[in-house]
Every structure is written in structure tokens, then in C-alpha cells.
Amino acid sequence: MSIRLNFPTETDDNQGGVSDGVVFTTVFAGSTYVNTFEMVKEFLKENDFGDLPLPKNFEELKLFRLKCMKNQLKLFDDIGYQHYPIKIIFPEPKKFPRKALMLKIYNENVEDNLLRFFGLLKTKKDFE
């Protein structure tokens, strides 16, 4: 069953990712960023998120990687593409494999889900 229709709980072991019932997080790493992005797009289709607008290719996704200047206002803490309920993030290179992309999927059925998506309401994980 797809993540969109049956969002994983904390106890579920689902498709190589981790869930707290509010956010499902997984990391993809291919031989190139192009391959990695294709894996992410396929995963989203398989889990009923194929209707969401996505960058058409990795070149377009790279435009969302712009680094924020010091003291510059930024809307999101994460660097990457964000369209509710998903985030495709360029993770810190020190902590993840090269050419990796992190996918976060927010549970659309959780109360205050938009506030959580935009970082205006903290999740349990933020306090740990």
C-alpha cells in the first residue's frame, strides 16, 4: 500500500525510511544526481504522489539549491524543493553519501500539518 494512503507510524518499517507518524524521511543516493532524482520521482509515483508538480529534471532541481547568504531571510530551513506535502532536500554532504537527496513526506491527515511543513510548529523529533 502507498505511503499517501497508509502513512507509516513510528513502529512501521516502511520502504527503507523512518517515520514518526508525522514525517516520513528517506535518503536516495545514485551514481549521479540525475539518477538519484529519477529514483525520487519514481518513489513518489509509486506512493501516489505522482500528481504533485516537480522540477522537470535535475537541472531545474539545482535551482532550488541556492545557498542563503548570512543574515538573509529564508522561508525554509531545508535547502531544496518544497511543495506540500513533500520536500526534496540536498542534505549536508558530511553526513550523507555523495549525490544524495533526502525526501521528506508530511502526513496530510495530521492536525496542523501545514504549520509543521513550514516549520512553524515543532514535531517531537525537533525536541530530541
N, C-alpha and C. Protein backbone atom coordinates (compact mmCIF):
# COMPACT_ATOMS: atom_id res chain seq x y z
N MET A 1 0.84 -1.18 0.00
CA MET A 1 0.00 0.00 0.00
C MET A 1 0.89 1.24 0.00
N SER A 2 0.40 2.30 -0.61
CA SER A 2 1.21 3.52 -0.75
C SER A 2 1.28 4.32 0.55
N ILE A 3 2.32 5.13 0.65
CA ILE A 3 2.51 5.99 1.82
C ILE A 3 1.38 7.02 1.92
N ARG A 4 0.94 7.54 0.79
CA ARG A 4 -0.11 8.56 0.82
C ARG A 4 -1.42 8.01 1.39
N LEU A 5 -1.73 6.77 1.05
CA LEU A 5 -2.99 6.17 1.51
C LEU A 5 -2.87 5.52 2.88
N ASN A 6 -1.67 5.10 3.25
CA ASN A 6 -1.45 4.41 4.52
C ASN A 6 -0.14 4.92 5.13
N PHE A 7 -0.19 6.10 5.73
CA PHE A 7 1.03 6.74 6.23
C PHE A 7 1.63 5.89 7.35
N PRO A 8 2.95 5.64 7.27
CA PRO A 8 3.59 4.78 8.29
C PRO A 8 3.64 5.44 9.66
N THR A 9 3.51 4.61 10.69
CA THR A 9 3.64 5.08 12.07
C THR A 9 5.09 4.90 12.51
N GLU A 10 5.36 5.25 13.76
CA GLU A 10 6.72 5.09 14.30
C GLU A 10 7.18 3.64 14.29
N THR A 11 6.27 2.73 14.48
CA THR A 11 6.64 1.32 14.61
C THR A 11 6.73 0.61 13.27
N ASP A 12 6.22 1.20 12.21
CA ASP A 12 6.27 0.57 10.88
C ASP A 12 7.68 0.63 10.31
N ASP A 13 8.07 -0.43 9.62
CA ASP A 13 9.32 -0.45 8.85
C ASP A 13 8.89 -0.34 7.40
N ASN A 14 9.02 0.84 6.83
CA ASN A 14 8.42 1.09 5.54
C ASN A 14 9.43 1.60 4.52
N GLN A 15 9.73 0.79 3.54
CA GLN A 15 10.48 1.18 2.35
C GLN A 15 11.80 1.87 2.64
N GLY A 16 12.50 1.44 3.66
CA GLY A 16 13.82 1.97 3.94
C GLY A 16 13.85 3.34 4.57
N GLY A 17 12.71 3.86 4.96
CA GLY A 17 12.68 5.18 5.57
C GLY A 17 12.31 5.11 7.04
N VAL A 18 12.26 6.28 7.66
CA VAL A 18 11.93 6.41 9.07
C VAL A 18 10.73 7.35 9.19
N SER A 19 9.79 6.97 10.05
CA SER A 19 8.60 7.80 10.24
C SER A 19 8.34 8.02 11.71
N ASP A 20 7.84 9.20 12.04
CA ASP A 20 7.37 9.46 13.40
C ASP A 20 5.85 9.60 13.42
N GLY A 21 5.21 9.21 12.32
CA GLY A 21 3.78 9.35 12.19
C GLY A 21 3.36 10.68 11.60
N VAL A 22 4.26 11.65 11.63
CA VAL A 22 4.00 12.98 11.08
C VAL A 22 4.84 13.19 9.82
N VAL A 23 6.10 12.78 9.86
CA VAL A 23 7.01 12.95 8.73
C VAL A 23 7.70 11.62 8.42
N PHE A 24 7.66 11.24 7.15
CA PHE A 24 8.40 10.07 6.67
C PHE A 24 9.65 10.60 5.98
N THR A 25 10.83 10.10 6.36
CA THR A 25 12.09 10.56 5.79
C THR A 25 12.88 9.39 5.24
N THR A 26 13.41 9.57 4.05
CA THR A 26 14.28 8.56 3.44
C THR A 26 15.33 9.27 2.60
N VAL A 27 16.44 8.58 2.33
CA VAL A 27 17.53 9.15 1.55
C VAL A 27 17.79 8.26 0.34
N PHE A 28 17.97 8.90 -0.80
CA PHE A 28 18.32 8.21 -2.04
C PHE A 28 19.71 8.65 -2.45
N ALA A 29 20.51 7.73 -2.97
CA ALA A 29 21.84 8.07 -3.47
C ALA A 29 22.15 7.20 -4.67
N GLY A 30 22.31 7.84 -5.82
CA GLY A 30 22.65 7.14 -7.05
C GLY A 30 24.07 7.48 -7.46
N SER A 31 24.46 7.02 -8.63
CA SER A 31 25.82 7.29 -9.12
C SER A 31 25.96 8.74 -9.58
N THR A 32 24.84 9.36 -9.95
CA THR A 32 24.82 10.78 -10.31
C THR A 32 23.57 11.41 -9.68
N TYR A 33 23.56 12.73 -9.60
CA TYR A 33 22.37 13.40 -9.09
C TYR A 33 21.17 13.16 -10.02
N VAL A 34 21.42 13.06 -11.31
CA VAL A 34 20.34 12.80 -12.26
C VAL A 34 19.68 11.46 -11.93
N ASN A 35 20.49 10.42 -11.70
CA ASN A 35 19.95 9.11 -11.32
C ASN A 35 19.20 9.17 -10.00
N THR A 36 19.77 9.87 -9.04
CA THR A 36 19.14 9.99 -7.73
C THR A 36 17.79 10.67 -7.84
N PHE A 37 17.71 11.74 -8.60
CA PHE A 37 16.44 12.45 -8.76
C PHE A 37 15.40 11.58 -9.46
N GLU A 38 15.83 10.77 -10.42
CA GLU A 38 14.91 9.84 -11.08
C GLU A 38 14.36 8.81 -10.08
N MET A 39 15.21 8.34 -9.16
CA MET A 39 14.75 7.41 -8.12
C MET A 39 13.70 8.07 -7.24
N VAL A 40 13.93 9.32 -6.87
CA VAL A 40 12.97 10.05 -6.02
C VAL A 40 11.64 10.18 -6.75
N LYS A 41 11.68 10.58 -8.02
CA LYS A 41 10.44 10.75 -8.79
C LYS A 41 9.67 9.43 -8.92
N GLU A 42 10.38 8.35 -9.14
CA GLU A 42 9.73 7.04 -9.25
C GLU A 42 9.10 6.62 -7.93
N PHE A 43 9.81 6.86 -6.83
CA PHE A 43 9.30 6.55 -5.50
C PHE A 43 8.01 7.33 -5.24
N LEU A 44 8.00 8.60 -5.59
CA LEU A 44 6.80 9.43 -5.39
C LEU A 44 5.63 8.90 -6.22
N LYS A 45 5.88 8.52 -7.46
CA LYS A 45 4.81 7.95 -8.29
C LYS A 45 4.25 6.67 -7.68
N GLU A 46 5.14 5.79 -7.23
CA GLU A 46 4.72 4.51 -6.66
C GLU A 46 3.91 4.69 -5.38
N ASN A 47 4.07 5.82 -4.72
CA ASN A 47 3.39 6.06 -3.45
C ASN A 47 2.29 7.11 -3.57
N ASP A 48 1.74 7.23 -4.77
CA ASP A 48 0.58 8.08 -5.07
C ASP A 48 0.81 9.58 -4.93
N PHE A 49 2.05 10.03 -5.13
CA PHE A 49 2.34 11.45 -5.15
C PHE A 49 2.69 11.92 -6.55
N GLY A 50 2.30 11.15 -7.56
CA GLY A 50 2.60 11.48 -8.95
C GLY A 50 1.87 12.71 -9.45
N ASP A 51 0.86 13.16 -8.73
CA ASP A 51 0.09 14.34 -9.14
C ASP A 51 0.73 15.65 -8.70
N LEU A 52 1.78 15.59 -7.91
CA LEU A 52 2.42 16.82 -7.43
C LEU A 52 3.33 17.41 -8.49
N PRO A 53 3.37 18.73 -8.58
CA PRO A 53 4.32 19.34 -9.51
C PRO A 53 5.75 19.17 -8.99
N LEU A 54 6.63 18.75 -9.86
CA LEU A 54 8.04 18.55 -9.51
C LEU A 54 8.90 19.26 -10.55
N PRO A 55 10.14 19.58 -10.19
CA PRO A 55 11.05 20.09 -11.22
C PRO A 55 11.13 19.06 -12.36
N LYS A 56 11.21 19.53 -13.61
CA LYS A 56 11.17 18.60 -14.74
C LYS A 56 12.42 17.75 -14.87
N ASN A 57 13.55 18.24 -14.33
CA ASN A 57 14.79 17.47 -14.38
C ASN A 57 15.73 17.97 -13.28
N PHE A 58 16.90 17.34 -13.19
CA PHE A 58 17.82 17.73 -12.12
C PHE A 58 18.33 19.15 -12.31
N GLU A 59 18.50 19.59 -13.54
CA GLU A 59 18.96 20.97 -13.78
C GLU A 59 18.00 21.97 -13.15
N GLU A 60 16.72 21.70 -13.26
CA GLU A 60 15.72 22.58 -12.65
C GLU A 60 15.75 22.44 -11.12
N LEU A 61 15.93 21.20 -10.62
CA LEU A 61 16.01 20.99 -9.17
C LEU A 61 17.19 21.75 -8.57
N LYS A 62 18.31 21.82 -9.29
CA LYS A 62 19.50 22.52 -8.79
C LYS A 62 19.22 23.98 -8.48
N LEU A 63 18.27 24.58 -9.16
CA LEU A 63 17.94 25.99 -8.92
C LEU A 63 17.40 26.21 -7.51
N PHE A 64 16.88 25.16 -6.90
CA PHE A 64 16.35 25.25 -5.54
C PHE A 64 17.44 25.06 -4.49
N ARG A 65 18.66 24.84 -4.92
CA ARG A 65 19.76 24.58 -4.00
C ARG A 65 20.49 25.86 -3.58
N LEU A 66 20.02 26.98 -4.03
CA LEU A 66 20.69 28.24 -3.74
C LEU A 66 20.98 28.36 -2.26
N LYS A 67 22.20 28.70 -1.96
CA LYS A 67 22.59 28.85 -0.56
C LYS A 67 22.14 30.23 -0.07
N CYS A 68 21.64 30.24 1.13
CA CYS A 68 21.21 31.50 1.73
C CYS A 68 22.42 32.25 2.26
N MET A 69 22.43 33.51 1.99
CA MET A 69 23.52 34.36 2.47
C MET A 69 23.33 34.58 3.98
N LYS A 70 24.42 34.85 4.65
CA LYS A 70 24.35 35.15 6.09
C LYS A 70 23.47 36.38 6.29
N ASN A 71 22.62 36.31 7.30
CA ASN A 71 21.69 37.38 7.66
C ASN A 71 20.59 37.60 6.64
N GLN A 72 20.42 36.68 5.70
CA GLN A 72 19.36 36.81 4.73
C GLN A 72 18.13 36.05 5.21
N LEU A 73 16.97 36.62 5.03
CA LEU A 73 15.73 35.97 5.42
C LEU A 73 15.50 34.76 4.52
N LYS A 74 15.17 33.63 5.14
CA LYS A 74 14.82 32.46 4.35
C LYS A 74 13.54 31.86 4.89
N LEU A 75 12.71 31.38 3.97
CA LEU A 75 11.41 30.84 4.35
C LEU A 75 11.53 29.45 4.95
N PHE A 76 12.44 28.62 4.42
CA PHE A 76 12.60 27.25 4.88
C PHE A 76 13.99 27.04 5.44
N ASP A 77 14.12 26.16 6.43
CA ASP A 77 15.43 25.79 6.95
C ASP A 77 16.15 24.84 6.01
N ASP A 78 15.39 23.99 5.34
CA ASP A 78 15.98 22.99 4.46
C ASP A 78 16.25 23.60 3.09
N ILE A 79 17.36 23.18 2.47
CA ILE A 79 17.71 23.68 1.15
C ILE A 79 17.26 22.64 0.12
N GLY A 80 16.32 23.01 -0.71
CA GLY A 80 15.82 22.11 -1.73
C GLY A 80 14.42 22.49 -2.18
N TYR A 81 13.80 21.60 -2.95
CA TYR A 81 12.46 21.83 -3.49
C TYR A 81 11.41 21.46 -2.45
N GLN A 82 10.40 22.32 -2.32
CA GLN A 82 9.37 22.08 -1.32
C GLN A 82 8.00 22.42 -1.89
N HIS A 83 7.14 21.44 -1.91
CA HIS A 83 5.76 21.63 -2.33
C HIS A 83 4.91 20.70 -1.47
N TYR A 84 4.08 21.28 -0.64
CA TYR A 84 3.31 20.48 0.32
C TYR A 84 2.68 19.30 -0.38
N PRO A 85 2.84 18.09 0.12
CA PRO A 85 3.38 17.63 1.39
C PRO A 85 4.80 17.05 1.30
N ILE A 86 5.59 17.42 0.26
CA ILE A 86 6.92 16.82 0.13
C ILE A 86 8.02 17.87 0.13
N LYS A 87 9.20 17.42 0.55
CA LYS A 87 10.42 18.22 0.46
C LYS A 87 11.50 17.32 -0.14
N ILE A 88 12.20 17.82 -1.16
CA ILE A 88 13.35 17.12 -1.73
C ILE A 88 14.55 17.98 -1.37
N ILE A 89 15.37 17.48 -0.46
CA ILE A 89 16.40 18.28 0.18
C ILE A 89 17.79 17.82 -0.23
N PHE A 90 18.69 18.77 -0.39
CA PHE A 90 20.10 18.47 -0.56
C PHE A 90 20.68 18.37 0.85
N PRO A 91 20.95 17.16 1.33
CA PRO A 91 21.42 17.02 2.71
C PRO A 91 22.88 17.45 2.86
N GLU A 92 23.28 17.65 4.11
CA GLU A 92 24.67 18.03 4.39
C GLU A 92 25.61 16.95 3.88
N PRO A 93 26.60 17.32 3.06
CA PRO A 93 27.48 16.31 2.47
C PRO A 93 28.31 15.53 3.49
N LYS A 94 28.55 16.10 4.65
CA LYS A 94 29.36 15.41 5.66
C LYS A 94 28.63 14.23 6.28
N LYS A 95 27.30 14.28 6.28
CA LYS A 95 26.51 13.26 6.96
C LYS A 95 25.93 12.19 6.03
N PHE A 96 25.92 12.45 4.72
CA PHE A 96 25.26 11.56 3.77
C PHE A 96 26.17 11.27 2.59
N PRO A 97 25.88 10.20 1.84
CA PRO A 97 26.70 9.87 0.68
C PRO A 97 26.68 10.99 -0.37
N ARG A 98 27.71 11.01 -1.19
CA ARG A 98 27.73 11.97 -2.30
C ARG A 98 26.56 11.69 -3.22
N LYS A 99 26.06 12.70 -3.86
CA LYS A 99 24.95 12.59 -4.82
C LYS A 99 23.65 12.14 -4.16
N ALA A 100 23.50 12.41 -2.87
CA ALA A 100 22.30 12.00 -2.13
C ALA A 100 21.25 13.11 -2.15
N LEU A 101 20.00 12.67 -2.12
CA LEU A 101 18.86 13.57 -1.94
C LEU A 101 17.99 12.98 -0.83
N MET A 102 17.53 13.83 0.05
CA MET A 102 16.66 13.40 1.14
C MET A 102 15.22 13.75 0.76
N LEU A 103 14.33 12.80 0.96
CA LEU A 103 12.92 13.03 0.70
C LEU A 103 12.17 13.01 2.02
N LYS A 104 11.41 14.07 2.27
CA LYS A 104 10.55 14.13 3.45
C LYS A 104 9.11 14.23 2.95
N ILE A 105 8.27 13.36 3.48
CA ILE A 105 6.85 13.38 3.14
C ILE A 105 6.07 13.64 4.43
N TYR A 106 5.25 14.67 4.40
CA TYR A 106 4.45 15.04 5.58
C TYR A 106 3.07 14.39 5.49
N ASN A 107 2.61 13.88 6.62
CA ASN A 107 1.31 13.21 6.71
C ASN A 107 0.21 14.26 6.54
N GLU A 108 -0.55 14.11 5.48
CA GLU A 108 -1.61 15.07 5.17
C GLU A 108 -2.80 14.97 6.12
N ASN A 109 -2.86 13.91 6.90
CA ASN A 109 -4.01 13.70 7.79
C ASN A 109 -3.74 14.11 9.24
N VAL A 110 -2.61 14.72 9.50
CA VAL A 110 -2.27 15.15 10.86
C VAL A 110 -2.75 16.59 11.06
N GLU A 111 -3.29 16.82 12.24
CA GLU A 111 -3.74 18.17 12.58
C GLU A 111 -2.55 19.14 12.53
N ASP A 112 -2.77 20.31 12.04
CA ASP A 112 -1.74 21.36 11.93
C ASP A 112 -0.59 20.96 11.01
N ASN A 113 -0.89 20.13 10.01
CA ASN A 113 0.16 19.64 9.13
C ASN A 113 0.85 20.76 8.33
N LEU A 114 0.13 21.77 7.91
CA LEU A 114 0.78 22.87 7.18
C LEU A 114 1.74 23.65 8.07
N LEU A 115 1.37 23.85 9.32
CA LEU A 115 2.26 24.54 10.24
C LEU A 115 3.54 23.75 10.45
N ARG A 116 3.42 22.44 10.53
CA ARG A 116 4.60 21.58 10.68
C ARG A 116 5.47 21.63 9.43
N PHE A 117 4.84 21.59 8.26
CA PHE A 117 5.56 21.62 6.99
C PHE A 117 6.41 22.88 6.87
N PHE A 118 5.85 24.00 7.26
CA PHE A 118 6.57 25.27 7.16
C PHE A 118 7.44 25.57 8.37
N GLY A 119 7.54 24.61 9.31
CA GLY A 119 8.41 24.78 10.46
C GLY A 119 7.88 25.73 11.51
N LEU A 120 6.60 26.02 11.47
CA LEU A 120 6.00 26.94 12.43
C LEU A 120 5.50 26.23 13.67
N LEU A 121 5.41 24.92 13.60
CA LEU A 121 5.01 24.10 14.74
C LEU A 121 5.99 22.94 14.79
N LYS A 122 6.61 22.76 15.92
CA LYS A 122 7.65 21.75 16.05
C LYS A 122 7.05 20.36 16.22
N THR A 123 7.79 19.34 15.76
CA THR A 123 7.40 17.96 15.94
C THR A 123 8.19 17.38 17.09
N LYS A 124 7.82 16.18 17.55
CA LYS A 124 8.54 15.52 18.65
C LYS A 124 10.02 15.41 18.32
N LYS A 125 10.33 15.10 17.09
CA LYS A 125 11.71 14.89 16.66
C LYS A 125 12.57 16.15 16.85
N ASP A 126 11.96 17.33 16.73
CA ASP A 126 12.70 18.57 16.88
C ASP A 126 13.20 18.80 18.30
N PHE A 127 12.58 18.12 19.28
CA PHE A 127 12.96 18.32 20.68
C PHE A 127 13.94 17.29 21.17
N GLU A 128 14.22 16.26 20.36
CA GLU A 128 15.11 15.17 20.77
C GLU A 128 16.56 15.51 20.47
